[in-house]
């Protein structure tokens, strides 16, 4: 398997891991009783968001250098986390 053919970036690796882990966990959460099954719906919503993010990342990877794109994506993730922790009470 040639990884250069797939052009992995930071977001693509994180998205694939999130999708692989999210689908079984979301399916399990849907089997719970009552309001607890809402967690499965929320997990599947996150999985759909990750799939959309992965599609956008793959389009950008075909146009730009993957190393620069990975650095930009990592920087954006760090900035989002810093903003989250700064606003969090």
N, C-alpha and C. Protein backbone atom coordinates (compact mmCIF):
# COMPACT_ATOMS: atom_id res chain seq x y z
N UNK A 1 0.84 -1.17 0.00
CA UNK A 1 0.00 0.00 0.00
C UNK A 1 0.89 1.23 0.00
N UNK A 2 0.66 2.12 -0.95
CA UNK A 2 1.45 3.33 -1.08
C UNK A 2 0.69 4.50 -0.47
N UNK A 3 1.20 5.02 0.66
CA UNK A 3 0.51 6.12 1.34
C UNK A 3 0.60 7.43 0.58
N UNK A 4 1.62 7.59 -0.26
CA UNK A 4 1.72 8.83 -1.05
C UNK A 4 0.57 8.95 -2.04
N UNK A 5 0.04 7.82 -2.45
CA UNK A 5 -1.10 7.84 -3.38
C UNK A 5 -2.33 8.42 -2.70
N UNK A 6 -2.52 8.14 -1.40
CA UNK A 6 -3.69 8.60 -0.68
C UNK A 6 -3.55 10.02 -0.15
N UNK A 7 -2.33 10.55 -0.07
CA UNK A 7 -2.05 11.90 0.42
C UNK A 7 -2.73 12.17 1.76
N UNK A 8 -2.34 11.46 2.82
CA UNK A 8 -3.00 11.69 4.11
C UNK A 8 -2.67 13.06 4.69
N UNK A 9 -3.65 13.69 5.29
CA UNK A 9 -3.48 14.96 5.99
C UNK A 9 -3.99 14.77 7.42
N UNK A 10 -3.78 15.80 8.24
CA UNK A 10 -4.20 15.74 9.64
C UNK A 10 -5.69 15.48 9.76
N UNK A 11 -6.49 16.24 9.03
CA UNK A 11 -7.95 16.10 9.14
C UNK A 11 -8.42 14.78 8.55
N UNK A 12 -7.79 14.31 7.49
CA UNK A 12 -8.24 13.04 6.91
C UNK A 12 -8.00 11.88 7.86
N UNK A 13 -6.86 11.88 8.55
CA UNK A 13 -6.57 10.80 9.49
C UNK A 13 -7.53 10.86 10.68
N UNK A 14 -7.73 12.05 11.24
CA UNK A 14 -8.64 12.22 12.38
C UNK A 14 -10.07 11.87 11.98
N UNK A 15 -10.49 12.27 10.78
CA UNK A 15 -11.86 11.99 10.33
C UNK A 15 -12.09 10.50 10.14
N UNK A 16 -11.15 9.82 9.53
CA UNK A 16 -11.31 8.38 9.32
C UNK A 16 -11.37 7.64 10.66
N UNK A 17 -10.50 8.02 11.59
CA UNK A 17 -10.54 7.39 12.92
C UNK A 17 -11.87 7.67 13.61
N UNK A 18 -12.35 8.90 13.53
CA UNK A 18 -13.63 9.26 14.15
C UNK A 18 -14.80 8.52 13.53
N UNK A 19 -14.78 8.35 12.21
CA UNK A 19 -15.86 7.64 11.54
C UNK A 19 -15.84 6.16 11.92
N UNK A 20 -14.64 5.57 11.92
CA UNK A 20 -14.52 4.14 12.25
C UNK A 20 -14.98 3.87 13.69
N UNK A 21 -14.63 4.75 14.62
CA UNK A 21 -15.04 4.56 16.00
C UNK A 21 -16.49 5.00 16.24
N UNK A 22 -16.96 5.98 15.49
CA UNK A 22 -18.28 6.54 15.73
C UNK A 22 -19.44 5.67 15.28
N UNK A 23 -19.27 4.95 14.19
CA UNK A 23 -20.38 4.15 13.67
C UNK A 23 -20.79 3.04 14.64
N UNK A 24 -19.86 2.22 15.14
CA UNK A 24 -20.30 1.18 16.09
C UNK A 24 -20.79 1.76 17.41
N UNK A 25 -20.15 2.83 17.88
CA UNK A 25 -20.58 3.43 19.14
C UNK A 25 -21.96 4.06 19.00
N UNK A 26 -22.22 4.71 17.86
CA UNK A 26 -23.55 5.29 17.62
C UNK A 26 -24.61 4.23 17.50
N UNK A 27 -24.28 3.11 16.85
CA UNK A 27 -25.24 2.00 16.73
C UNK A 27 -25.55 1.41 18.10
N UNK A 28 -24.52 1.29 18.95
CA UNK A 28 -24.76 0.79 20.30
C UNK A 28 -25.65 1.76 21.08
N UNK A 29 -25.37 3.04 20.97
CA UNK A 29 -26.16 4.01 21.73
C UNK A 29 -27.62 4.03 21.28
N UNK A 30 -27.88 3.73 20.01
CA UNK A 30 -29.26 3.67 19.53
C UNK A 30 -30.04 2.51 20.13
N UNK A 31 -29.37 1.49 20.63
CA UNK A 31 -30.06 0.34 21.21
C UNK A 31 -30.45 0.58 22.67
N UNK A 32 -30.02 1.67 23.27
CA UNK A 32 -30.35 1.96 24.66
C UNK A 32 -31.80 2.37 24.79
N UNK A 33 -32.32 2.33 25.99
CA UNK A 33 -33.73 2.63 26.23
C UNK A 33 -33.93 4.12 26.54
N UNK A 34 -35.06 4.63 26.15
CA UNK A 34 -35.48 5.97 26.52
C UNK A 34 -34.63 7.06 25.90
N UNK A 35 -34.39 8.10 26.70
CA UNK A 35 -33.65 9.26 26.23
C UNK A 35 -32.18 9.00 26.01
N UNK A 36 -31.68 7.90 26.52
CA UNK A 36 -30.26 7.57 26.34
C UNK A 36 -29.95 7.27 24.88
N UNK A 37 -30.96 6.89 24.11
CA UNK A 37 -30.72 6.59 22.70
C UNK A 37 -30.47 7.86 21.89
N UNK A 38 -30.75 9.01 22.46
CA UNK A 38 -30.46 10.27 21.79
C UNK A 38 -28.95 10.43 21.57
N UNK A 39 -28.16 9.82 22.41
CA UNK A 39 -26.71 9.86 22.23
C UNK A 39 -26.28 9.27 20.91
N UNK A 40 -26.95 8.23 20.47
CA UNK A 40 -26.65 7.62 19.17
C UNK A 40 -26.93 8.56 18.02
N UNK A 41 -28.01 9.31 18.12
CA UNK A 41 -28.34 10.29 17.09
C UNK A 41 -27.27 11.38 17.05
N UNK A 42 -26.83 11.82 18.21
CA UNK A 42 -25.79 12.84 18.28
C UNK A 42 -24.47 12.32 17.71
N UNK A 43 -24.13 11.09 18.02
CA UNK A 43 -22.89 10.50 17.49
C UNK A 43 -22.98 10.38 15.98
N UNK A 44 -24.11 9.95 15.44
CA UNK A 44 -24.25 9.85 14.00
C UNK A 44 -24.22 11.23 13.33
N UNK A 45 -24.70 12.25 14.02
CA UNK A 45 -24.57 13.61 13.50
C UNK A 45 -23.11 14.04 13.40
N UNK A 46 -22.33 13.67 14.39
CA UNK A 46 -20.90 13.98 14.36
C UNK A 46 -20.22 13.19 13.25
N UNK A 47 -20.61 11.93 13.05
CA UNK A 47 -20.03 11.11 11.99
C UNK A 47 -20.34 11.72 10.62
N UNK A 48 -21.55 12.21 10.43
CA UNK A 48 -21.91 12.86 9.16
C UNK A 48 -21.07 14.12 8.97
N UNK A 49 -20.88 14.90 10.04
CA UNK A 49 -20.03 16.08 9.96
C UNK A 49 -18.59 15.73 9.60
N UNK A 50 -18.08 14.65 10.17
CA UNK A 50 -16.72 14.21 9.85
C UNK A 50 -16.62 13.75 8.40
N UNK A 51 -17.66 13.11 7.89
CA UNK A 51 -17.65 12.67 6.49
C UNK A 51 -17.63 13.87 5.55
N UNK A 52 -18.38 14.90 5.88
CA UNK A 52 -18.38 16.12 5.07
C UNK A 52 -17.01 16.79 5.14
N UNK A 53 -16.44 16.85 6.33
CA UNK A 53 -15.11 17.43 6.50
C UNK A 53 -14.06 16.63 5.73
N UNK A 54 -14.19 15.32 5.70
CA UNK A 54 -13.28 14.47 4.95
C UNK A 54 -13.39 14.73 3.45
N UNK A 55 -14.61 14.91 2.96
CA UNK A 55 -14.80 15.19 1.54
C UNK A 55 -14.17 16.53 1.15
N UNK A 56 -14.35 17.54 2.00
CA UNK A 56 -13.75 18.85 1.74
C UNK A 56 -12.23 18.75 1.77
N UNK A 57 -11.70 17.99 2.73
CA UNK A 57 -10.26 17.81 2.84
C UNK A 57 -9.69 17.11 1.62
N UNK A 58 -10.38 16.11 1.12
CA UNK A 58 -9.89 15.40 -0.07
C UNK A 58 -9.89 16.31 -1.29
N UNK A 59 -10.88 17.20 -1.41
CA UNK A 59 -10.88 18.15 -2.53
C UNK A 59 -9.71 19.12 -2.41
N UNK A 60 -9.46 19.61 -1.19
CA UNK A 60 -8.35 20.53 -0.99
C UNK A 60 -7.00 19.84 -1.20
N UNK A 61 -6.90 18.57 -0.83
CA UNK A 61 -5.65 17.83 -0.99
C UNK A 61 -5.30 17.63 -2.46
N UNK A 62 -6.30 17.62 -3.32
CA UNK A 62 -6.01 17.45 -4.74
C UNK A 62 -5.46 18.73 -5.37
N UNK A 63 -5.70 19.89 -4.71
CA UNK A 63 -5.23 21.16 -5.26
C UNK A 63 -3.96 21.68 -4.59
N UNK A 64 -3.78 21.41 -3.29
CA UNK A 64 -2.68 21.99 -2.54
C UNK A 64 -1.71 20.92 -2.07
N UNK A 65 -0.53 21.36 -1.65
CA UNK A 65 0.48 20.45 -1.09
C UNK A 65 -0.04 19.93 0.25
N UNK A 66 0.08 18.62 0.46
CA UNK A 66 -0.51 18.01 1.65
C UNK A 66 0.23 18.39 2.93
N UNK A 67 1.53 18.65 2.86
CA UNK A 67 2.26 19.04 4.06
C UNK A 67 1.82 20.41 4.55
N UNK A 68 1.68 21.35 3.62
CA UNK A 68 1.21 22.69 4.00
C UNK A 68 -0.23 22.64 4.48
N UNK A 69 -1.04 21.84 3.81
CA UNK A 69 -2.44 21.70 4.19
C UNK A 69 -2.57 21.10 5.59
N UNK A 70 -1.74 20.11 5.92
CA UNK A 70 -1.75 19.50 7.25
C UNK A 70 -1.37 20.51 8.32
N UNK A 71 -0.36 21.33 8.04
CA UNK A 71 0.04 22.35 9.01
C UNK A 71 -1.06 23.37 9.24
N UNK A 72 -1.71 23.78 8.18
CA UNK A 72 -2.82 24.74 8.31
C UNK A 72 -3.97 24.12 9.09
N UNK A 73 -4.32 22.86 8.78
CA UNK A 73 -5.41 22.19 9.49
C UNK A 73 -5.08 22.00 10.97
N UNK A 74 -3.84 21.61 11.26
CA UNK A 74 -3.43 21.43 12.65
C UNK A 74 -3.49 22.76 13.39
N UNK A 75 -3.03 23.82 12.76
CA UNK A 75 -3.10 25.15 13.37
C UNK A 75 -4.52 25.59 13.64
N UNK A 76 -5.42 25.31 12.70
CA UNK A 76 -6.82 25.67 12.91
C UNK A 76 -7.44 24.87 14.05
N UNK A 77 -7.07 23.60 14.17
CA UNK A 77 -7.57 22.77 15.28
C UNK A 77 -7.06 23.28 16.62
N UNK A 78 -5.79 23.67 16.67
CA UNK A 78 -5.22 24.20 17.92
C UNK A 78 -5.89 25.52 18.29
N UNK A 79 -6.13 26.38 17.32
CA UNK A 79 -6.81 27.65 17.59
C UNK A 79 -8.23 27.41 18.09
N UNK A 80 -8.94 26.46 17.48
CA UNK A 80 -10.31 26.14 17.94
C UNK A 80 -10.30 25.60 19.37
N UNK A 81 -9.33 24.74 19.69
CA UNK A 81 -9.24 24.21 21.05
C UNK A 81 -8.90 25.31 22.05
N UNK A 82 -8.00 26.20 21.68
CA UNK A 82 -7.65 27.31 22.58
C UNK A 82 -8.85 28.23 22.81
N UNK A 83 -9.61 28.49 21.76
CA UNK A 83 -10.80 29.32 21.91
C UNK A 83 -11.83 28.63 22.79
N UNK A 84 -11.98 27.30 22.62
CA UNK A 84 -12.94 26.55 23.43
C UNK A 84 -12.56 26.61 24.91
N UNK A 85 -11.27 26.40 25.22
CA UNK A 85 -10.84 26.41 26.61
C UNK A 85 -10.85 27.81 27.19
N UNK A 86 -10.70 28.84 26.37
CA UNK A 86 -10.73 30.20 26.86
C UNK A 86 -12.15 30.64 27.21
N UNK A 87 -13.13 30.18 26.45
CA UNK A 87 -14.52 30.59 26.66
C UNK A 87 -15.20 29.72 27.70
N UNK A 88 -14.74 28.48 27.82
CA UNK A 88 -15.36 27.53 28.74
C UNK A 88 -15.31 28.07 30.18
N UNK A 89 -16.41 27.92 30.89
CA UNK A 89 -16.47 28.42 32.28
C UNK A 89 -15.80 27.51 33.24
